[in-house]
Amino acid sequence: MSNNNETAVAEDEEVELAEVAPVRNEATGIITVTCGANVSTFGNISGRSIGALRQDLGDVLGIQPGAKAIASGEEVNDDYITVDGDRIEFIKESGTKG
């Protein structure tokens, strides 16, 4: 066990995990884009709109035209301008065909 603030827990002891908000990437200029199982990290694309990312990466990552866009945990529209460190996720409503 390392000394990095880790705490030993007995096997039969229950541990409650706090809900953790999505975090931004720490490296400057890096944006992570996720759609389903497809995850890619890109440099030098901050400052682009969600709509532009949807159009440019749609075929590569399988982004559906009506997919919701989430930027670092918050739902955003296609006009949102990405910033360094954003974690962008495109999600399709469950139960939606296509």
C-alpha atoms as a PDB file:
ATOM      1  CA  MET A   1       0.000   0.000   0.000  1.00  0.00           C
ATOM      2  CA  SER A   2       1.344   3.447  -0.886  1.00  0.00           C
ATOM      3  CA  ASN A   3       1.167   6.525   1.341  1.00  0.00           C
ATOM      4  CA  ASN A   4      -0.875   8.581  -1.155  1.00  0.00           C
ATOM      5  CA  ASN A   5      -3.824   9.167   1.191  1.00  0.00           C
ATOM      6  CA  GLU A   6      -5.069   5.597   0.723  1.00  0.00           C
ATOM      7  CA  THR A   7      -7.019   4.013   3.536  1.00  0.00           C
ATOM      8  CA  ALA A   8      -7.196   0.294   4.211  1.00  0.00           C
ATOM      9  CA  VAL A   9     -10.726  -1.131   4.217  1.00  0.00           C
ATOM     10  CA  ALA A  10     -11.683  -4.478   5.689  1.00  0.00           C
ATOM     11  CA  GLU A  11     -13.213  -6.874   3.140  1.00  0.00           C
ATOM     12  CA  ASP A  12     -16.566  -6.944   4.974  1.00  0.00           C
ATOM     13  CA  GLU A  13     -16.742  -3.160   5.472  1.00  0.00           C
ATOM     14  CA  GLU A  14     -19.113  -1.212   3.220  1.00  0.00           C
ATOM     15  CA  VAL A  15     -17.738   1.888   1.575  1.00  0.00           C
ATOM     16  CA  GLU A  16     -19.916   4.675   0.181  1.00  0.00           C
ATOM     17  CA  LEU A  17     -18.505   6.319  -2.894  1.00  0.00           C
ATOM     18  CA  ALA A  18     -19.266   9.982  -3.454  1.00  0.00           C
ATOM     19  CA  GLU A  19     -20.589  10.988  -6.835  1.00  0.00           C
ATOM     20  CA  VAL A  20     -17.774  12.697  -8.669  1.00  0.00           C
ATOM     21  CA  ALA A  21     -18.392  15.377 -11.296  1.00  0.00           C
ATOM     22  CA  PRO A  22     -16.644  14.917 -14.638  1.00  0.00           C
ATOM     23  CA  VAL A  23     -13.300  16.655 -14.696  1.00  0.00           C
ATOM     24  CA  ARG A  24     -11.595  18.570 -17.453  1.00  0.00           C
ATOM     25  CA  ASN A  25      -8.364  17.297 -18.956  1.00  0.00           C
ATOM     26  CA  GLU A  26      -5.435  19.028 -17.302  1.00  0.00           C
ATOM     27  CA  ALA A  27      -3.260  19.268 -20.408  1.00  0.00           C
ATOM     28  CA  THR A  28      -3.694  22.561 -22.253  1.00  0.00           C
ATOM     29  CA  GLY A  29      -5.312  22.328 -25.663  1.00  0.00           C
ATOM     30  CA  ILE A  30      -6.504  18.755 -25.253  1.00  0.00           C
ATOM     31  CA  ILE A  31     -10.172  17.865 -25.743  1.00  0.00           C
ATOM     32  CA  THR A  32     -11.600  14.364 -25.321  1.00  0.00           C
ATOM     33  CA  VAL A  33     -14.603  13.485 -27.484  1.00  0.00           C
ATOM     34  CA  THR A  34     -16.740  10.427 -26.710  1.00  0.00           C
ATOM     35  CA  CYS A  35     -19.636   8.844 -28.564  1.00  0.00           C
ATOM     36  CA  GLY A  36     -20.707   5.432 -27.310  1.00  0.00           C
ATOM     37  CA  ALA A  37     -17.660   3.164 -27.200  1.00  0.00           C
ATOM     38  CA  ASN A  38     -15.664   5.562 -29.402  1.00  0.00           C
ATOM     39  CA  VAL A  39     -13.287   7.801 -27.460  1.00  0.00           C
ATOM     40  CA  SER A  40     -10.658  10.066 -29.013  1.00  0.00           C
ATOM     41  CA  THR A  41      -8.399  12.784 -27.657  1.00  0.00           C
ATOM     42  CA  PHE A  42      -7.539  15.729 -29.874  1.00  0.00           C
ATOM     43  CA  GLY A  43      -5.122  18.616 -29.553  1.00  0.00           C
ATOM     44  CA  ASN A  44      -5.589  22.066 -31.027  1.00  0.00           C
ATOM     45  CA  ILE A  45      -9.375  21.883 -31.505  1.00  0.00           C
ATOM     46  CA  SER A  46     -10.455  24.048 -28.588  1.00  0.00           C
ATOM     47  CA  GLY A  47     -12.319  27.146 -29.713  1.00  0.00           C
ATOM     48  CA  ARG A  48     -14.480  25.179 -32.149  1.00  0.00           C
ATOM     49  CA  SER A  49     -18.235  24.862 -31.754  1.00  0.00           C
ATOM     50  CA  ILE A  50     -20.035  21.655 -30.834  1.00  0.00           C
ATOM     51  CA  GLY A  51     -21.814  21.892 -34.200  1.00  0.00           C
ATOM     52  CA  ALA A  52     -18.466  21.949 -36.031  1.00  0.00           C
ATOM     53  CA  LEU A  53     -17.203  18.961 -34.019  1.00  0.00           C
ATOM     54  CA  ARG A  54     -20.452  17.100 -34.700  1.00  0.00           C
ATOM     55  CA  GLN A  55     -20.041  17.723 -38.451  1.00  0.00           C
ATOM     56  CA  ASP A  56     -16.291  17.055 -38.687  1.00  0.00           C
ATOM     57  CA  LEU A  57     -16.135  14.026 -36.373  1.00  0.00           C
ATOM     58  CA  GLY A  58     -19.594  12.569 -37.018  1.00  0.00           C
ATOM     59  CA  ASP A  59     -18.498   9.861 -39.424  1.00  0.00           C
ATOM     60  CA  VAL A  60     -15.318   9.009 -37.546  1.00  0.00           C
ATOM     61  CA  LEU A  61     -16.951   8.617 -34.122  1.00  0.00           C
ATOM     62  CA  GLY A  62     -20.468   7.634 -35.241  1.00  0.00           C
ATOM     63  CA  ILE A  63     -22.143  10.769 -33.877  1.00  0.00           C
ATOM     64  CA  GLN A  64     -25.860  10.791 -34.696  1.00  0.00           C
ATOM     65  CA  PRO A  65     -27.301  14.135 -35.929  1.00  0.00           C
ATOM     66  CA  GLY A  66     -29.764  14.326 -33.003  1.00  0.00           C
ATOM     67  CA  ALA A  67     -27.356  13.203 -30.278  1.00  0.00           C
ATOM     68  CA  LYS A  68     -27.242  15.355 -27.118  1.00  0.00           C
ATOM     69  CA  ALA A  69     -23.937  17.101 -26.481  1.00  0.00           C
ATOM     70  CA  ILE A  70     -22.469  17.152 -22.976  1.00  0.00           C
ATOM     71  CA  ALA A  71     -19.439  19.365 -22.228  1.00  0.00           C
ATOM     72  CA  SER A  72     -17.638  18.550 -18.982  1.00  0.00           C
ATOM     73  CA  GLY A  73     -20.873  17.333 -17.383  1.00  0.00           C
ATOM     74  CA  GLU A  74     -23.270  20.020 -18.654  1.00  0.00           C
ATOM     75  CA  GLU A  75     -25.679  19.668 -21.587  1.00  0.00           C
ATOM     76  CA  VAL A  76     -24.811  22.222 -24.286  1.00  0.00           C
ATOM     77  CA  ASN A  77     -26.157  23.189 -27.714  1.00  0.00           C
ATOM     78  CA  ASP A  78     -24.332  23.280 -31.061  1.00  0.00           C
ATOM     79  CA  ASP A  79     -23.312  26.937 -30.487  1.00  0.00           C
ATOM     80  CA  TYR A  80     -21.197  26.079 -27.422  1.00  0.00           C
ATOM     81  CA  ILE A  81     -17.531  26.938 -28.038  1.00  0.00           C
ATOM     82  CA  THR A  82     -15.138  24.342 -26.639  1.00  0.00           C
ATOM     83  CA  VAL A  83     -12.376  25.363 -24.258  1.00  0.00           C
ATOM     84  CA  ASP A  84      -9.055  23.763 -23.377  1.00  0.00           C
ATOM     85  CA  GLY A  85      -9.612  20.629 -21.341  1.00  0.00           C
ATOM     86  CA  ASP A  86     -13.277  20.038 -22.227  1.00  0.00           C
ATOM     87  CA  ARG A  87     -14.569  16.483 -22.164  1.00  0.00           C
ATOM     88  CA  ILE A  88     -17.244  16.315 -24.851  1.00  0.00           C
ATOM     89  CA  GLU A  89     -19.718  13.443 -24.963  1.00  0.00           C
ATOM     90  CA  PHE A  90     -22.359  12.869 -27.623  1.00  0.00           C
ATOM     91  CA  ILE A  91     -25.184  10.672 -26.364  1.00  0.00           C
ATOM     92  CA  LYS A  92     -28.332   9.281 -27.933  1.00  0.00           C
ATOM     93  CA  GLU A  93     -31.492   8.977 -25.850  1.00  0.00           C
ATOM     94  CA  SER A  94     -32.031   5.381 -24.761  1.00  0.00           C
ATOM     95  CA  GLY A  95     -34.814   3.679 -26.654  1.00  0.00           C
ATOM     96  CA  THR A  96     -34.127   5.787 -29.753  1.00  0.00           C
ATOM     97  CA  LYS A  97     -33.647   3.847 -32.968  1.00  0.00           C
ATOM     98  CA  GLY A  98     -30.853   4.584 -35.380  1.00  0.00           C
END
